[in-house]
Amino acid sequence: MKAFFAALCLVIAGLSQAATSPPTDASLSQLMAMTDMKQMTNGMFAQIDGMMNGFIQQSLKDQKITPPQQKAIDNMKSKMAALVKTEYRWEIMEPQFRKIYKESFTQDEVNGMIAFYKTPAGQAVIKKMPVVMQKSMMASQSMLQALLPKMQRIQQEFVDELKATEKK
């Protein structure tokens, strides 16, 4: 009876360990391939370019741009895009993602994600999530632009308040 109980404890401990063990590199590679993480990472470049264009337009809003200034802007954008493409390429990002996933998910959770992504609903998520993320980023950017004047006003009130305390 003691041997049976000891064996049962070992099985339970093994199952418990499997449930909390970090995911294997093989399962993470499978998950990353299924979800097209490399393609999504490369797709970030267009989103970053769009955000940069929005920031430039916001910064230069009512200013008339001369041809030399436009050339300087285009040159800066080109250099920024090259920098982002160099620093955020898949070969650099993949080990970071792998580490984050290992720290965040158990093997059982990764197995569950893999099983989900094999379903029609999972495939729909994979196909539609980039568009959902892009629209979400655009909505957030729009909301932030609307908030910016209010934030600047609060910042100015803060500066004025600090100046007033210096005079006392």
C-alpha atoms as a PDB file:
ATOM      1  CA  MET A   1       0.000   0.000   0.000  1.00  0.00           C
ATOM      2  CA  LYS A   2       2.857   2.370   0.829  1.00  0.00           C
ATOM      3  CA  ALA A   3       4.423   1.663  -2.560  1.00  0.00           C
ATOM      4  CA  PHE A   4       1.139   2.437  -4.325  1.00  0.00           C
ATOM      5  CA  PHE A   5       0.747   5.688  -2.379  1.00  0.00           C
ATOM      6  CA  ALA A   6       4.354   6.664  -3.139  1.00  0.00           C
ATOM      7  CA  ALA A   7       3.829   5.925  -6.855  1.00  0.00           C
ATOM      8  CA  LEU A   8       0.596   7.915  -6.864  1.00  0.00           C
ATOM      9  CA  CYS A   9       2.394  10.872  -5.242  1.00  0.00           C
ATOM     10  CA  LEU A  10       5.119  10.703  -7.903  1.00  0.00           C
ATOM     11  CA  VAL A  11       2.533  10.670 -10.713  1.00  0.00           C
ATOM     12  CA  ILE A  12       0.680  13.631  -9.198  1.00  0.00           C
ATOM     13  CA  ALA A  13       3.944  15.508  -8.671  1.00  0.00           C
ATOM     14  CA  GLY A  14       4.929  14.784 -12.280  1.00  0.00           C
ATOM     15  CA  LEU A  15       1.595  16.031 -13.602  1.00  0.00           C
ATOM     16  CA  SER A  16       1.841  19.118 -11.438  1.00  0.00           C
ATOM     17  CA  GLN A  17       5.365  19.774 -12.697  1.00  0.00           C
ATOM     18  CA  ALA A  18       4.251  19.335 -16.323  1.00  0.00           C
ATOM     19  CA  ALA A  19       1.438  21.825 -15.783  1.00  0.00           C
ATOM     20  CA  THR A  20       3.835  24.478 -14.492  1.00  0.00           C
ATOM     21  CA  SER A  21       6.894  23.670 -16.592  1.00  0.00           C
ATOM     22  CA  PRO A  22       8.030  26.278 -19.102  1.00  0.00           C
ATOM     23  CA  PRO A  23       7.260  25.562 -22.733  1.00  0.00           C
ATOM     24  CA  THR A  24       9.815  23.771 -24.841  1.00  0.00           C
ATOM     25  CA  ASP A  25      11.634  25.462 -27.684  1.00  0.00           C
ATOM     26  CA  ALA A  26       9.976  23.031 -30.095  1.00  0.00           C
ATOM     27  CA  SER A  27       6.457  23.955 -28.938  1.00  0.00           C
ATOM     28  CA  LEU A  28       7.286  27.666 -29.071  1.00  0.00           C
ATOM     29  CA  SER A  29       8.676  27.274 -32.585  1.00  0.00           C
ATOM     30  CA  GLN A  30       5.456  25.520 -33.587  1.00  0.00           C
ATOM     31  CA  LEU A  31       3.328  28.248 -32.010  1.00  0.00           C
ATOM     32  CA  MET A  32       5.353  31.046 -33.598  1.00  0.00           C
ATOM     33  CA  ALA A  33       5.137  29.386 -37.004  1.00  0.00           C
ATOM     34  CA  MET A  34       1.385  28.784 -36.686  1.00  0.00           C
ATOM     35  CA  THR A  35       0.702  32.392 -35.739  1.00  0.00           C
ATOM     36  CA  ASP A  36       2.985  33.864 -38.407  1.00  0.00           C
ATOM     37  CA  MET A  37       4.904  35.838 -35.789  1.00  0.00           C
ATOM     38  CA  LYS A  38       7.776  36.494 -38.181  1.00  0.00           C
ATOM     39  CA  GLN A  39       5.413  37.959 -40.777  1.00  0.00           C
ATOM     40  CA  MET A  40       3.564  39.991 -38.122  1.00  0.00           C
ATOM     41  CA  THR A  41       6.864  41.339 -36.791  1.00  0.00           C
ATOM     42  CA  ASN A  42       7.879  42.359 -40.286  1.00  0.00           C
ATOM     43  CA  GLY A  43       4.431  43.921 -40.729  1.00  0.00           C
ATOM     44  CA  MET A  44       5.179  46.269 -37.838  1.00  0.00           C
ATOM     45  CA  PHE A  45       7.346  48.335 -40.151  1.00  0.00           C
ATOM     46  CA  ALA A  46       4.350  49.667 -42.078  1.00  0.00           C
ATOM     47  CA  GLN A  47       2.569  50.516 -38.825  1.00  0.00           C
ATOM     48  CA  ILE A  48       5.624  52.294 -37.442  1.00  0.00           C
ATOM     49  CA  ASP A  49       5.969  54.204 -40.722  1.00  0.00           C
ATOM     50  CA  GLY A  50       2.322  55.241 -40.478  1.00  0.00           C
ATOM     51  CA  MET A  51       2.782  56.388 -36.892  1.00  0.00           C
ATOM     52  CA  MET A  52       5.882  58.342 -37.866  1.00  0.00           C
ATOM     53  CA  ASN A  53       3.991  60.028 -40.714  1.00  0.00           C
ATOM     54  CA  GLY A  54       1.170  60.917 -38.324  1.00  0.00           C
ATOM     55  CA  PHE A  55       3.633  62.354 -35.811  1.00  0.00           C
ATOM     56  CA  ILE A  56       5.348  64.437 -38.492  1.00  0.00           C
ATOM     57  CA  GLN A  57       2.023  65.748 -39.802  1.00  0.00           C
ATOM     58  CA  GLN A  58       0.927  66.617 -36.257  1.00  0.00           C
ATOM     59  CA  SER A  59       4.228  68.371 -35.545  1.00  0.00           C
ATOM     60  CA  LEU A  60       4.176  70.390 -38.753  1.00  0.00           C
ATOM     61  CA  LYS A  61       0.418  70.861 -38.888  1.00  0.00           C
ATOM     62  CA  ASP A  62      -0.096  74.364 -40.279  1.00  0.00           C
ATOM     63  CA  GLN A  63       3.421  75.023 -41.517  1.00  0.00           C
ATOM     64  CA  LYS A  64       4.251  75.427 -45.171  1.00  0.00           C
ATOM     65  CA  ILE A  65       7.103  73.063 -46.044  1.00  0.00           C
ATOM     66  CA  THR A  66       9.721  74.124 -48.570  1.00  0.00           C
ATOM     67  CA  PRO A  67      11.234  71.584 -50.991  1.00  0.00           C
ATOM     68  CA  PRO A  68      14.558  71.505 -49.064  1.00  0.00           C
ATOM     69  CA  GLN A  69      12.650  70.947 -45.807  1.00  0.00           C
ATOM     70  CA  GLN A  70      10.619  68.153 -47.424  1.00  0.00           C
ATOM     71  CA  LYS A  71      13.870  66.570 -48.605  1.00  0.00           C
ATOM     72  CA  ALA A  72      15.233  66.732 -45.047  1.00  0.00           C
ATOM     73  CA  ILE A  73      12.006  65.189 -43.709  1.00  0.00           C
ATOM     74  CA  ASP A  74      12.156  62.395 -46.296  1.00  0.00           C
ATOM     75  CA  ASN A  75      15.824  61.786 -45.467  1.00  0.00           C
ATOM     76  CA  MET A  76      15.059  61.547 -41.747  1.00  0.00           C
ATOM     77  CA  LYS A  77      12.129  59.175 -42.395  1.00  0.00           C
ATOM     78  CA  SER A  78      14.329  56.994 -44.575  1.00  0.00           C
ATOM     79  CA  LYS A  79      17.025  56.801 -41.898  1.00  0.00           C
ATOM     80  CA  MET A  80      14.446  56.035 -39.180  1.00  0.00           C
ATOM     81  CA  ALA A  81      12.867  53.283 -41.292  1.00  0.00           C
ATOM     82  CA  ALA A  82      16.270  51.728 -41.966  1.00  0.00           C
ATOM     83  CA  LEU A  83      17.112  51.841 -38.260  1.00  0.00           C
ATOM     84  CA  VAL A  84      13.834  50.188 -37.269  1.00  0.00           C
ATOM     85  CA  LYS A  85      14.217  47.492 -39.936  1.00  0.00           C
ATOM     86  CA  THR A  86      17.734  46.766 -38.707  1.00  0.00           C
ATOM     87  CA  GLU A  87      16.993  46.742 -34.991  1.00  0.00           C
ATOM     88  CA  TYR A  88      13.608  45.000 -35.099  1.00  0.00           C
ATOM     89  CA  ARG A  89      14.316  42.258 -37.612  1.00  0.00           C
ATOM     90  CA  TRP A  90      13.057  38.767 -36.792  1.00  0.00           C
ATOM     91  CA  GLU A  91      16.510  37.385 -35.977  1.00  0.00           C
ATOM     92  CA  ILE A  92      16.736  39.870 -33.101  1.00  0.00           C
ATOM     93  CA  MET A  93      13.101  39.800 -32.012  1.00  0.00           C
ATOM     94  CA  GLU A  94      12.541  36.019 -32.052  1.00  0.00           C
ATOM     95  CA  PRO A  95      14.824  35.233 -29.078  1.00  0.00           C
ATOM     96  CA  GLN A  96      13.125  38.036 -27.131  1.00  0.00           C
ATOM     97  CA  PHE A  97       9.666  36.645 -27.902  1.00  0.00           C
ATOM     98  CA  ARG A  98      10.817  33.126 -27.007  1.00  0.00           C
ATOM     99  CA  LYS A  99      12.104  34.379 -23.624  1.00  0.00           C
ATOM    100  CA  ILE A 100       8.900  36.310 -22.916  1.00  0.00           C
ATOM    101  CA  TYR A 101       6.738  33.315 -23.797  1.00  0.00           C
ATOM    102  CA  LYS A 102       8.839  31.014 -21.603  1.00  0.00           C
ATOM    103  CA  GLU A 103       8.482  33.423 -18.685  1.00  0.00           C
ATOM    104  CA  SER A 104       4.756  33.975 -19.275  1.00  0.00           C
ATOM    105  CA  PHE A 105       3.256  30.619 -20.261  1.00  0.00           C
ATOM    106  CA  THR A 106       3.429  27.014 -19.131  1.00  0.00           C
ATOM    107  CA  GLN A 107       3.775  24.086 -21.495  1.00  0.00           C
ATOM    108  CA  ASP A 108       0.103  23.250 -20.986  1.00  0.00           C
ATOM    109  CA  GLU A 109      -0.909  26.800 -21.919  1.00  0.00           C
ATOM    110  CA  VAL A 110       1.206  26.718 -25.077  1.00  0.00           C
ATOM    111  CA  ASN A 111      -0.287  23.329 -25.937  1.00  0.00           C
ATOM    112  CA  GLY A 112      -3.744  24.861 -25.484  1.00  0.00           C
ATOM    113  CA  MET A 113      -2.867  27.782 -27.756  1.00  0.00           C
ATOM    114  CA  ILE A 114      -1.545  25.417 -30.415  1.00  0.00           C
ATOM    115  CA  ALA A 115      -4.753  23.380 -30.209  1.00  0.00           C
ATOM    116  CA  PHE A 116      -6.846  26.568 -30.460  1.00  0.00           C
ATOM    117  CA  TYR A 117      -4.945  27.922 -33.452  1.00  0.00           C
ATOM    118  CA  LYS A 118      -5.616  24.652 -35.297  1.00  0.00           C
ATOM    119  CA  THR A 119      -9.375  25.327 -35.100  1.00  0.00           C
ATOM    120  CA  PRO A 120     -11.315  27.484 -37.591  1.00  0.00           C
ATOM    121  CA  ALA A 121     -11.767  30.139 -34.880  1.00  0.00           C
ATOM    122  CA  GLY A 122      -8.040  30.085 -34.174  1.00  0.00           C
ATOM    123  CA  GLN A 123      -7.248  30.440 -37.872  1.00  0.00           C
ATOM    124  CA  ALA A 124      -9.642  33.405 -38.035  1.00  0.00           C
ATOM    125  CA  VAL A 125      -7.798  35.034 -35.121  1.00  0.00           C
ATOM    126  CA  ILE A 126      -4.452  34.532 -36.863  1.00  0.00           C
ATOM    127  CA  LYS A 127      -5.727  36.045 -40.113  1.00  0.00           C
ATOM    128  CA  LYS A 128      -7.675  38.937 -38.604  1.00  0.00           C
ATOM    129  CA  MET A 129      -5.532  39.956 -35.629  1.00  0.00           C
ATOM    130  CA  PRO A 130      -3.063  42.092 -37.629  1.00  0.00           C
ATOM    131  CA  VAL A 131      -5.961  44.208 -38.942  1.00  0.00           C
ATOM    132  CA  VAL A 132      -7.516  44.362 -35.470  1.00  0.00           C
ATOM    133  CA  MET A 133      -4.186  45.512 -34.004  1.00  0.00           C
ATOM    134  CA  GLN A 134      -3.681  48.096 -36.742  1.00  0.00           C
ATOM    135  CA  LYS A 135      -7.168  49.521 -36.248  1.00  0.00           C
ATOM    136  CA  SER A 136      -6.636  49.513 -32.484  1.00  0.00           C
ATOM    137  CA  MET A 137      -3.376  51.413 -32.845  1.00  0.00           C
ATOM    138  CA  MET A 138      -5.027  53.946 -35.161  1.00  0.00           C
ATOM    139  CA  ALA A 139      -7.909  54.410 -32.709  1.00  0.00           C
ATOM    140  CA  SER A 140      -5.461  54.852 -29.817  1.00  0.00           C
ATOM    141  CA  GLN A 141      -3.400  57.331 -31.813  1.00  0.00           C
ATOM    142  CA  SER A 142      -6.514  59.306 -32.682  1.00  0.00           C
ATOM    143  CA  MET A 143      -7.625  59.346 -29.052  1.00  0.00           C
ATOM    144  CA  LEU A 144      -4.160  60.438 -27.952  1.00  0.00           C
ATOM    145  CA  GLN A 145      -4.168  63.295 -30.463  1.00  0.00           C
ATOM    146  CA  ALA A 146      -7.475  64.471 -29.019  1.00  0.00           C
ATOM    147  CA  LEU A 147      -6.017  64.235 -25.508  1.00  0.00           C
ATOM    148  CA  LEU A 148      -2.792  66.031 -26.350  1.00  0.00           C
ATOM    149  CA  PRO A 149      -4.123  69.615 -26.026  1.00  0.00           C
ATOM    150  CA  LYS A 150      -5.692  68.748 -22.661  1.00  0.00           C
ATOM    151  CA  MET A 151      -2.448  67.158 -21.472  1.00  0.00           C
ATOM    152  CA  GLN A 152      -0.482  70.205 -22.637  1.00  0.00           C
ATOM    153  CA  ARG A 153      -2.891  72.459 -20.743  1.00  0.00           C
ATOM    154  CA  ILE A 154      -2.399  70.398 -17.551  1.00  0.00           C
ATOM    155  CA  GLN A 155       1.356  70.528 -18.086  1.00  0.00           C
ATOM    156  CA  GLN A 156       1.242  74.322 -18.492  1.00  0.00           C
ATOM    157  CA  GLU A 157      -0.875  74.654 -15.331  1.00  0.00           C
ATOM    158  CA  PHE A 158       1.739  72.570 -13.512  1.00  0.00           C
ATOM    159  CA  VAL A 159       4.573  74.793 -14.769  1.00  0.00           C
ATOM    160  CA  ASP A 160       2.615  77.907 -13.762  1.00  0.00           C
ATOM    161  CA  GLU A 161       1.937  76.429 -10.331  1.00  0.00           C
ATOM    162  CA  LEU A 162       5.617  75.641  -9.834  1.00  0.00           C
ATOM    163  CA  LYS A 163       6.593  79.156 -10.850  1.00  0.00           C
ATOM    164  CA  ALA A 164       4.054  80.578  -8.399  1.00  0.00           C
ATOM    165  CA  THR A 165       5.547  78.568  -5.542  1.00  0.00           C
ATOM    166  CA  GLU A 166       9.026  79.913  -6.359  1.00  0.00           C
ATOM    167  CA  LYS A 167       7.838  83.488  -5.896  1.00  0.00           C
ATOM    168  CA  LYS A 168       6.519  82.832  -2.391  1.00  0.00           C
END
